[in-house]
Structures are given as C-alpha cells and as structure tokens.
C-alpha cells in the first residue's frame, strides 16, 4: 500500500511513500518525512491512498512543514 501526494487527485505526482501495516486498527505509526517537489505560489494538495481492499487503514494526522 502506498500514499501519494498530488496537486489534485488526478494531478501531477509530487511524492509517494509506503504505508506499512501495523497489525491492528488502533495501532498508529509515524512514518518518515517524504520530500515533496516544490510548488510556486499557493496550492492545494491532495493525498491519494490506494489499496486493493476497503478500509485498509486509518489516518490520524498529516503534517506538512517547510524545511
């Protein structure tokens, strides 16, 4: 399973990262930061999660920062 970051759901791919299985619905895991290609101006970002199964995981929070 992977998560991707795009300018819009069907837009240019900006980054991708694995989503590891924690083994339990209520067991959360902080994943490493993933660099995102620089954008100019102000934009909206879309996180796109793809999995062959429904309800594959639970996202507690997403954090973006400027290095």
PDB file of N, CA and C in Angstrom:
ATOM      1  N   UNK A   1       0.839  -1.156   0.000  1.00  0.00           N
ATOM      2  CA  UNK A   1       0.000   0.000   0.000  1.00  0.00           C
ATOM      3  C   UNK A   1       0.897   1.235   0.000  1.00  0.00           C
ATOM      4  N   UNK A   2       0.482   2.270  -0.729  1.00  0.00           N
ATOM      5  CA  UNK A   2       1.275   3.484  -0.816  1.00  0.00           C
ATOM      6  C   UNK A   2       0.363   4.696  -0.731  1.00  0.00           C
ATOM      7  N   UNK A   3       0.915   5.782  -0.210  1.00  0.00           N
ATOM      8  CA  UNK A   3       0.201   7.053  -0.266  1.00  0.00           C
ATOM      9  C   UNK A   3       0.936   7.932  -1.263  1.00  0.00           C
ATOM     10  N   UNK A   4       0.202   8.762  -1.975  1.00  0.00           N
ATOM     11  CA  UNK A   4       0.808   9.677  -2.922  1.00  0.00           C
ATOM     12  C   UNK A   4       0.334  11.083  -2.624  1.00  0.00           C
ATOM     13  N   UNK A   5       1.131  12.065  -3.000  1.00  0.00           N
ATOM     14  CA  UNK A   5       0.781  13.469  -2.821  1.00  0.00           C
ATOM     15  C   UNK A   5       0.690  14.087  -4.208  1.00  0.00           C
ATOM     16  N   UNK A   6      -0.428  14.735  -4.477  1.00  0.00           N
ATOM     17  CA  UNK A   6      -0.656  15.361  -5.780  1.00  0.00           C
ATOM     18  C   UNK A   6      -1.247  16.750  -5.578  1.00  0.00           C
ATOM     19  N   UNK A   7      -1.117  17.594  -6.591  1.00  0.00           N
ATOM     20  CA  UNK A   7      -1.741  18.910  -6.551  1.00  0.00           C
ATOM     21  C   UNK A   7      -3.256  18.804  -6.551  1.00  0.00           C
ATOM     22  N   UNK A   8      -3.782  17.764  -7.173  1.00  0.00           N
ATOM     23  CA  UNK A   8      -5.207  17.408  -7.137  1.00  0.00           C
ATOM     24  C   UNK A   8      -5.274  15.903  -7.359  1.00  0.00           C
ATOM     25  N   UNK A   9      -6.379  15.243  -7.050  1.00  0.00           N
ATOM     26  CA  UNK A   9      -6.407  13.774  -7.105  1.00  0.00           C
ATOM     27  C   UNK A   9      -5.913  13.170  -8.416  1.00  0.00           C
ATOM     28  N   UNK A  10      -6.158  13.848  -9.538  1.00  0.00           N
ATOM     29  CA  UNK A  10      -5.701  13.319 -10.824  1.00  0.00           C
ATOM     30  C   UNK A  10      -4.539  14.135 -11.390  1.00  0.00           C
ATOM     31  N   UNK A  11      -3.903  14.944 -10.548  1.00  0.00           N
ATOM     32  CA  UNK A  11      -2.832  15.837 -10.995  1.00  0.00           C
ATOM     33  C   UNK A  11      -1.456  15.201 -10.974  1.00  0.00           C
ATOM     34  N   UNK A  12      -0.453  16.050 -11.149  1.00  0.00           N
ATOM     35  CA  UNK A  12       0.941  15.623 -11.180  1.00  0.00           C
ATOM     36  C   UNK A  12       1.335  14.980  -9.850  1.00  0.00           C
ATOM     37  N   UNK A  13       2.025  13.865  -9.934  1.00  0.00           N
ATOM     38  CA  UNK A  13       2.525  13.184  -8.742  1.00  0.00           C
ATOM     39  C   UNK A  13       3.685  13.984  -8.168  1.00  0.00           C
ATOM     40  N   UNK A  14       3.585  14.385  -6.899  1.00  0.00           N
ATOM     41  CA  UNK A  14       4.622  15.176  -6.243  1.00  0.00           C
ATOM     42  C   UNK A  14       5.490  14.341  -5.321  1.00  0.00           C
ATOM     43  N   UNK A  15       4.947  13.279  -4.756  1.00  0.00           N
ATOM     44  CA  UNK A  15       5.700  12.416  -3.838  1.00  0.00           C
ATOM     45  C   UNK A  15       4.928  11.120  -3.636  1.00  0.00           C
ATOM     46  N   UNK A  16       5.622  10.109  -3.151  1.00  0.00           N
ATOM     47  CA  UNK A  16       4.982   8.837  -2.822  1.00  0.00           C
ATOM     48  C   UNK A  16       5.700   8.234  -1.621  1.00  0.00           C
ATOM     49  N   UNK A  17       4.965   7.492  -0.812  1.00  0.00           N
ATOM     50  CA  UNK A  17       5.550   6.894   0.390  1.00  0.00           C
ATOM     51  C   UNK A  17       4.800   5.616   0.742  1.00  0.00           C
ATOM     52  N   UNK A  18       5.499   4.639   1.318  1.00  0.00           N
ATOM     53  CA  UNK A  18       4.828   3.407   1.738  1.00  0.00           C
ATOM     54  C   UNK A  18       3.965   3.648   2.980  1.00  0.00           C
ATOM     55  N   UNK A  19       2.923   2.855   3.127  1.00  0.00           N
ATOM     56  CA  UNK A  19       2.086   2.864   4.326  1.00  0.00           C
ATOM     57  C   UNK A  19       2.188   1.465   4.920  1.00  0.00           C
ATOM     58  N   UNK A  20       3.045   1.281   5.937  1.00  0.00           N
ATOM     59  CA  UNK A  20       3.234  -0.059   6.500  1.00  0.00           C
ATOM     60  C   UNK A  20       2.031  -0.530   7.314  1.00  0.00           C
ATOM     61  N   UNK A  21       1.856  -1.826   7.382  1.00  0.00           N
ATOM     62  CA  UNK A  21       0.798  -2.439   8.172  1.00  0.00           C
ATOM     63  C   UNK A  21       1.260  -2.507   9.628  1.00  0.00           C
ATOM     64  N   UNK A  22       0.445  -1.975  10.551  1.00  0.00           N
ATOM     65  CA  UNK A  22       0.805  -2.014  11.976  1.00  0.00           C
ATOM     66  C   UNK A  22       0.247  -3.249  12.673  1.00  0.00           C
ATOM     67  N   UNK A  23      -0.650  -3.968  12.002  1.00  0.00           N
ATOM     68  CA  UNK A  23      -1.195  -5.185  12.580  1.00  0.00           C
ATOM     69  C   UNK A  23      -2.460  -5.001  13.389  1.00  0.00           C
ATOM     70  N   UNK A  24      -2.835  -3.743  13.683  1.00  0.00           N
ATOM     71  CA  UNK A  24      -4.034  -3.507  14.490  1.00  0.00           C
ATOM     72  C   UNK A  24      -4.635  -2.164  14.113  1.00  0.00           C
ATOM     73  N   UNK A  25      -5.958  -2.098  14.077  1.00  0.00           N
ATOM     74  CA  UNK A  25      -6.665  -0.881  13.691  1.00  0.00           C
ATOM     75  C   UNK A  25      -6.310   0.304  14.578  1.00  0.00           C
ATOM     76  N   UNK A  26      -6.090   0.093  15.858  1.00  0.00           N
ATOM     77  CA  UNK A  26      -5.805   1.183  16.800  1.00  0.00           C
ATOM     78  C   UNK A  26      -4.319   1.354  17.093  1.00  0.00           C
ATOM     79  N   UNK A  27      -3.450   0.733  16.327  1.00  0.00           N
ATOM     80  CA  UNK A  27      -2.012   0.903  16.499  1.00  0.00           C
ATOM     81  C   UNK A  27      -1.509   1.833  15.405  1.00  0.00           C
ATOM     82  N   UNK A  28      -1.073   3.023  15.812  1.00  0.00           N
ATOM     83  CA  UNK A  28      -0.623   4.031  14.858  1.00  0.00           C
ATOM     84  C   UNK A  28       0.892   4.007  14.735  1.00  0.00           C
ATOM     85  N   UNK A  29       1.379   4.504  13.611  1.00  0.00           N
ATOM     86  CA  UNK A  29       2.807   4.525  13.340  1.00  0.00           C
ATOM     87  C   UNK A  29       3.140   5.833  12.643  1.00  0.00           C
ATOM     88  N   UNK A  30       4.139   6.548  13.154  1.00  0.00           N
ATOM     89  CA  UNK A  30       4.620   7.756  12.482  1.00  0.00           C
ATOM     90  C   UNK A  30       5.554   7.316  11.364  1.00  0.00           C
ATOM     91  N   UNK A  31       5.276   7.763  10.158  1.00  0.00           N
ATOM     92  CA  UNK A  31       6.122   7.395   9.021  1.00  0.00           C
ATOM     93  C   UNK A  31       7.135   8.503   8.759  1.00  0.00           C
ATOM     94  N   UNK A  32       8.270   8.167   8.160  1.00  0.00           N
ATOM     95  CA  UNK A  32       9.300   9.178   7.900  1.00  0.00           C
ATOM     96  C   UNK A  32       8.803  10.265   6.945  1.00  0.00           C
ATOM     97  N   UNK A  33       9.386  11.439   7.078  1.00  0.00           N
ATOM     98  CA  UNK A  33       9.055  12.550   6.181  1.00  0.00           C
ATOM     99  C   UNK A  33       9.438  12.195   4.753  1.00  0.00           C
ATOM    100  N   UNK A  34       8.661  12.688   3.826  1.00  0.00           N
ATOM    101  CA  UNK A  34       8.915  12.449   2.404  1.00  0.00           C
ATOM    102  C   UNK A  34       9.034  13.804   1.717  1.00  0.00           C
ATOM    103  N   UNK A  35      10.129  14.053   1.011  1.00  0.00           N
ATOM    104  CA  UNK A  35      10.255  15.333   0.299  1.00  0.00           C
ATOM    105  C   UNK A  35       9.182  15.456  -0.786  1.00  0.00           C
ATOM    106  N   UNK A  36       8.625  16.641  -0.905  1.00  0.00           N
ATOM    107  CA  UNK A  36       7.615  16.929  -1.919  1.00  0.00           C
ATOM    108  C   UNK A  36       8.210  17.943  -2.884  1.00  0.00           C
ATOM    109  N   UNK A  37       8.043  17.712  -4.185  1.00  0.00           N
ATOM    110  CA  UNK A  37       8.541  18.665  -5.174  1.00  0.00           C
ATOM    111  C   UNK A  37       8.009  20.058  -4.871  1.00  0.00           C
ATOM    112  N   UNK A  38       8.870  21.066  -5.014  1.00  0.00           N
ATOM    113  CA  UNK A  38       8.494  22.449  -4.718  1.00  0.00           C
ATOM    114  C   UNK A  38       7.415  22.937  -5.682  1.00  0.00           C
ATOM    115  N   UNK A  39       6.488  23.694  -5.146  1.00  0.00           N
ATOM    116  CA  UNK A  39       5.445  24.326  -5.942  1.00  0.00           C
ATOM    117  C   UNK A  39       5.626  25.830  -5.851  1.00  0.00           C
ATOM    118  N   UNK A  40       5.150  26.552  -6.834  1.00  0.00           N
ATOM    119  CA  UNK A  40       5.213  28.007  -6.769  1.00  0.00           C
ATOM    120  C   UNK A  40       3.834  28.538  -6.424  1.00  0.00           C
ATOM    121  N   UNK A  41       3.806  29.645  -5.698  1.00  0.00           N
ATOM    122  CA  UNK A  41       2.533  30.237  -5.320  1.00  0.00           C
ATOM    123  C   UNK A  41       1.835  29.433  -4.241  1.00  0.00           C
ATOM    124  N   UNK A  42       0.539  29.592  -4.193  1.00  0.00           N
ATOM    125  CA  UNK A  42      -0.269  28.907  -3.187  1.00  0.00           C
ATOM    126  C   UNK A  42      -1.081  27.822  -3.873  1.00  0.00           C
ATOM    127  N   UNK A  43      -1.015  26.614  -3.342  1.00  0.00           N
ATOM    128  CA  UNK A  43      -1.697  25.484  -3.963  1.00  0.00           C
ATOM    129  C   UNK A  43      -2.394  24.640  -2.919  1.00  0.00           C
ATOM    130  N   UNK A  44      -3.337  23.830  -3.377  1.00  0.00           N
ATOM    131  CA  UNK A  44      -3.953  22.803  -2.549  1.00  0.00           C
ATOM    132  C   UNK A  44      -3.264  21.487  -2.870  1.00  0.00           C
ATOM    133  N   UNK A  45      -3.103  20.648  -1.866  1.00  0.00           N
ATOM    134  CA  UNK A  45      -2.524  19.323  -2.065  1.00  0.00           C
ATOM    135  C   UNK A  45      -3.574  18.266  -1.779  1.00  0.00           C
ATOM    136  N   UNK A  46      -3.513  17.182  -2.491  1.00  0.00           N
ATOM    137  CA  UNK A  46      -4.404  16.046  -2.269  1.00  0.00           C
ATOM    138  C   UNK A  46      -3.577  14.829  -1.918  1.00  0.00           C
ATOM    139  N   UNK A  47      -3.981  14.127  -0.883  1.00  0.00           N
ATOM    140  CA  UNK A  47      -3.363  12.851  -0.551  1.00  0.00           C
ATOM    141  C   UNK A  47      -4.221  11.768  -1.180  1.00  0.00           C
ATOM    142  N   UNK A  48      -3.602  10.883  -1.919  1.00  0.00           N
ATOM    143  CA  UNK A  48      -4.318   9.813  -2.603  1.00  0.00           C
ATOM    144  C   UNK A  48      -3.815   8.494  -2.038  1.00  0.00           C
ATOM    145  N   UNK A  49      -4.723   7.702  -1.463  1.00  0.00           N
ATOM    146  CA  UNK A  49      -4.369   6.409  -0.886  1.00  0.00           C
ATOM    147  C   UNK A  49      -4.966   5.322  -1.763  1.00  0.00           C
ATOM    148  N   UNK A  50      -4.146   4.366  -2.153  1.00  0.00           N
ATOM    149  CA  UNK A  50      -4.627   3.270  -2.996  1.00  0.00           C
ATOM    150  C   UNK A  50      -4.358   1.943  -2.317  1.00  0.00           C
ATOM    151  N   UNK A  51      -5.395   1.115  -2.258  1.00  0.00           N
ATOM    152  CA  UNK A  51      -5.281  -0.210  -1.668  1.00  0.00           C
ATOM    153  C   UNK A  51      -6.298  -1.120  -2.351  1.00  0.00           C
ATOM    154  N   UNK A  52      -5.978  -2.394  -2.517  1.00  0.00           N
ATOM    155  CA  UNK A  52      -6.937  -3.312  -3.130  1.00  0.00           C
ATOM    156  C   UNK A  52      -8.121  -3.647  -2.219  1.00  0.00           C
ATOM    157  N   UNK A  53      -8.068  -3.254  -0.960  1.00  0.00           N
ATOM    158  CA  UNK A  53      -9.157  -3.573  -0.038  1.00  0.00           C
ATOM    159  C   UNK A  53      -9.786  -2.306   0.521  1.00  0.00           C
ATOM    160  N   UNK A  54     -11.065  -2.377   0.894  1.00  0.00           N
ATOM    161  CA  UNK A  54     -11.759  -1.261   1.526  1.00  0.00           C
ATOM    162  C   UNK A  54     -11.286  -1.121   2.967  1.00  0.00           C
ATOM    163  N   UNK A  55     -11.338   0.109   3.487  1.00  0.00           N
ATOM    164  CA  UNK A  55     -10.975   0.386   4.882  1.00  0.00           C
ATOM    165  C   UNK A  55      -9.633  -0.237   5.244  1.00  0.00           C
ATOM    166  N   UNK A  56      -8.639  -0.001   4.420  1.00  0.00           N
ATOM    167  CA  UNK A  56      -7.327  -0.625   4.599  1.00  0.00           C
ATOM    168  C   UNK A  56      -6.552  -0.057   5.782  1.00  0.00           C
ATOM    169  N   UNK A  57      -6.808   1.203   6.128  1.00  0.00           N
ATOM    170  CA  UNK A  57      -6.068   1.802   7.238  1.00  0.00           C
ATOM    171  C   UNK A  57      -6.783   3.050   7.719  1.00  0.00           C
ATOM    172  N   UNK A  58      -6.313   3.590   8.835  1.00  0.00           N
ATOM    173  CA  UNK A  58      -6.889   4.773   9.467  1.00  0.00           C
ATOM    174  C   UNK A  58      -5.804   5.839   9.554  1.00  0.00           C
ATOM    175  N   UNK A  59      -6.072   7.026   9.033  1.00  0.00           N
ATOM    176  CA  UNK A  59      -5.114   8.136   9.102  1.00  0.00           C
ATOM    177  C   UNK A  59      -5.502   9.013  10.280  1.00  0.00           C
ATOM    178  N   UNK A  60      -4.591   9.175  11.224  1.00  0.00           N
ATOM    179  CA  UNK A  60      -4.849  10.009  12.391  1.00  0.00           C
ATOM    180  C   UNK A  60      -4.522  11.469  12.104  1.00  0.00           C
ATOM    181  N   UNK A  61      -3.398  11.737  11.438  1.00  0.00           N
ATOM    182  CA  UNK A  61      -2.991  13.114  11.157  1.00  0.00           C
ATOM    183  C   UNK A  61      -1.976  13.134  10.025  1.00  0.00           C
ATOM    184  N   UNK A  62      -1.909  14.276   9.345  1.00  0.00           N
ATOM    185  CA  UNK A  62      -0.907  14.522   8.312  1.00  0.00           C
ATOM    186  C   UNK A  62      -0.301  15.882   8.611  1.00  0.00           C
ATOM    187  N   UNK A  63       1.009  15.977   8.552  1.00  0.00           N
ATOM    188  CA  UNK A  63       1.686  17.240   8.865  1.00  0.00           C
ATOM    189  C   UNK A  63       2.607  17.623   7.718  1.00  0.00           C
ATOM    190  N   UNK A  64       2.518  18.885   7.288  1.00  0.00           N
ATOM    191  CA  UNK A  64       3.419  19.432   6.290  1.00  0.00           C
ATOM    192  C   UNK A  64       4.263  20.505   6.954  1.00  0.00           C
ATOM    193  N   UNK A  65       5.526  20.598   6.560  1.00  0.00           N
ATOM    194  CA  UNK A  65       6.383  21.654   7.099  1.00  0.00           C
ATOM    195  C   UNK A  65       7.315  22.146   6.007  1.00  0.00           C
ATOM    196  N   UNK A  66       7.809  23.345   6.185  1.00  0.00           N
ATOM    197  CA  UNK A  66       8.746  23.944   5.248  1.00  0.00           C
ATOM    198  C   UNK A  66      10.132  23.849   5.866  1.00  0.00           C
ATOM    199  N   UNK A  67      11.058  23.148   5.204  1.00  0.00           N
ATOM    200  CA  UNK A  67      12.376  22.928   5.833  1.00  0.00           C
ATOM    201  C   UNK A  67      13.143  24.185   6.120  1.00  0.00           C
TER     202      UNK A  67
END
